[in-house]
Amino acid sequence: MTNAVVLPSVITMNRPAIENRVDDITRYLALPMALTGSPSSS
């Protein structure tokens, strides 16, 4: 439960350091959303 509460704040705080990695991971795994939380156009 704590992770669900704390993780969004941690991700937001560390966004500049992890943004490129998250984009790469979402493309590799073919996930519908990136770090922005917006659904992709595909």
N, C-alpha and C. Protein backbone atom coordinates (compact mmCIF):
# COMPACT_ATOMS: atom_id res chain seq x y z
N MET A 1 0.82 -1.19 0.00
CA MET A 1 0.00 0.00 0.00
C MET A 1 0.87 1.26 0.00
N THR A 2 1.93 1.25 0.77
CA THR A 2 2.80 2.43 0.82
C THR A 2 3.38 2.76 -0.54
N ASN A 3 3.77 1.74 -1.30
CA ASN A 3 4.33 1.98 -2.64
C ASN A 3 3.33 2.70 -3.53
N ALA A 4 2.07 2.33 -3.45
CA ALA A 4 1.05 2.96 -4.29
C ALA A 4 0.88 4.44 -3.95
N VAL A 5 1.15 4.80 -2.71
CA VAL A 5 1.02 6.19 -2.28
C VAL A 5 2.27 6.99 -2.59
N VAL A 6 3.44 6.41 -2.37
CA VAL A 6 4.71 7.13 -2.49
C VAL A 6 5.27 7.13 -3.91
N LEU A 7 5.11 6.06 -4.65
CA LEU A 7 5.75 5.92 -5.95
C LEU A 7 5.44 7.05 -6.94
N PRO A 8 4.21 7.52 -7.08
CA PRO A 8 3.98 8.61 -8.02
C PRO A 8 4.80 9.87 -7.71
N SER A 9 4.95 10.20 -6.46
CA SER A 9 5.75 11.37 -6.07
C SER A 9 7.22 11.15 -6.38
N VAL A 10 7.70 9.95 -6.14
CA VAL A 10 9.11 9.63 -6.41
C VAL A 10 9.39 9.70 -7.91
N ILE A 11 8.50 9.16 -8.70
CA ILE A 11 8.68 9.19 -10.16
C ILE A 11 8.67 10.64 -10.65
N THR A 12 7.75 11.44 -10.14
CA THR A 12 7.69 12.85 -10.55
C THR A 12 8.97 13.58 -10.18
N MET A 13 9.47 13.35 -8.99
CA MET A 13 10.68 14.02 -8.53
C MET A 13 11.90 13.60 -9.36
N ASN A 14 11.96 12.35 -9.78
CA ASN A 14 13.11 11.83 -10.52
C ASN A 14 12.90 11.83 -12.04
N ARG A 15 11.84 12.44 -12.49
CA ARG A 15 11.50 12.42 -13.91
C ARG A 15 12.65 12.79 -14.84
N PRO A 16 13.39 13.88 -14.58
CA PRO A 16 14.48 14.23 -15.50
C PRO A 16 15.53 13.12 -15.65
N ALA A 17 15.76 12.37 -14.60
CA ALA A 17 16.79 11.33 -14.63
C ALA A 17 16.30 10.04 -15.29
N ILE A 18 14.99 9.79 -15.28
CA ILE A 18 14.48 8.50 -15.75
C ILE A 18 13.64 8.57 -17.02
N GLU A 19 13.32 9.77 -17.46
CA GLU A 19 12.37 9.91 -18.59
C GLU A 19 12.79 9.14 -19.83
N ASN A 20 14.04 9.25 -20.26
CA ASN A 20 14.50 8.54 -21.46
C ASN A 20 14.41 7.03 -21.28
N ARG A 21 14.77 6.56 -20.11
CA ARG A 21 14.72 5.12 -19.84
C ARG A 21 13.30 4.59 -19.87
N VAL A 22 12.38 5.33 -19.28
CA VAL A 22 10.98 4.89 -19.25
C VAL A 22 10.42 4.85 -20.67
N ASP A 23 10.73 5.85 -21.47
CA ASP A 23 10.26 5.84 -22.86
C ASP A 23 10.80 4.62 -23.61
N ASP A 24 12.08 4.30 -23.41
CA ASP A 24 12.67 3.12 -24.06
C ASP A 24 12.00 1.84 -23.60
N ILE A 25 11.75 1.73 -22.31
CA ILE A 25 11.13 0.52 -21.76
C ILE A 25 9.70 0.36 -22.29
N THR A 26 8.93 1.46 -22.33
CA THR A 26 7.56 1.34 -22.82
C THR A 26 7.52 0.93 -24.28
N ARG A 27 8.46 1.44 -25.09
CA ARG A 27 8.52 1.02 -26.51
C ARG A 27 8.92 -0.46 -26.61
N TYR A 28 9.91 -0.87 -25.84
CA TYR A 28 10.38 -2.25 -25.88
C TYR A 28 9.28 -3.23 -25.48
N LEU A 29 8.52 -2.88 -24.45
CA LEU A 29 7.47 -3.76 -23.97
C LEU A 29 6.14 -3.55 -24.69
N ALA A 30 6.11 -2.58 -25.62
CA ALA A 30 4.89 -2.25 -26.37
C ALA A 30 3.74 -1.90 -25.44
N LEU A 31 4.03 -1.09 -24.42
CA LEU A 31 3.01 -0.66 -23.48
C LEU A 31 2.24 0.53 -24.06
N PRO A 32 0.97 0.66 -23.72
CA PRO A 32 0.17 1.73 -24.30
C PRO A 32 0.44 3.11 -23.72
N MET A 33 1.10 3.22 -22.56
CA MET A 33 1.33 4.52 -21.94
C MET A 33 2.80 4.74 -21.63
N ALA A 34 3.22 5.98 -21.74
CA ALA A 34 4.57 6.38 -21.37
C ALA A 34 4.53 7.09 -20.03
N LEU A 35 5.61 7.74 -19.65
CA LEU A 35 5.71 8.40 -18.36
C LEU A 35 4.67 9.49 -18.21
N THR A 36 4.23 10.09 -19.29
CA THR A 36 3.24 11.17 -19.22
C THR A 36 1.88 10.65 -18.78
N GLY A 37 1.66 9.37 -18.95
CA GLY A 37 0.35 8.80 -18.60
C GLY A 37 -0.67 8.95 -19.71
N SER A 38 -0.27 9.50 -20.84
CA SER A 38 -1.18 9.66 -21.96
C SER A 38 -1.16 8.40 -22.82
N PRO A 39 -2.33 7.93 -23.23
CA PRO A 39 -2.34 6.77 -24.13
C PRO A 39 -1.67 7.11 -25.44
N SER A 40 -0.97 6.16 -25.99
CA SER A 40 -0.32 6.38 -27.28
C SER A 40 -1.35 6.38 -28.39
N SER A 41 -0.97 6.88 -29.54
CA SER A 41 -1.92 6.97 -30.65
C SER A 41 -2.15 5.65 -31.36
N SER A 42 -1.38 4.61 -31.03
CA SER A 42 -1.56 3.33 -31.73
C SER A 42 -2.60 2.46 -31.08
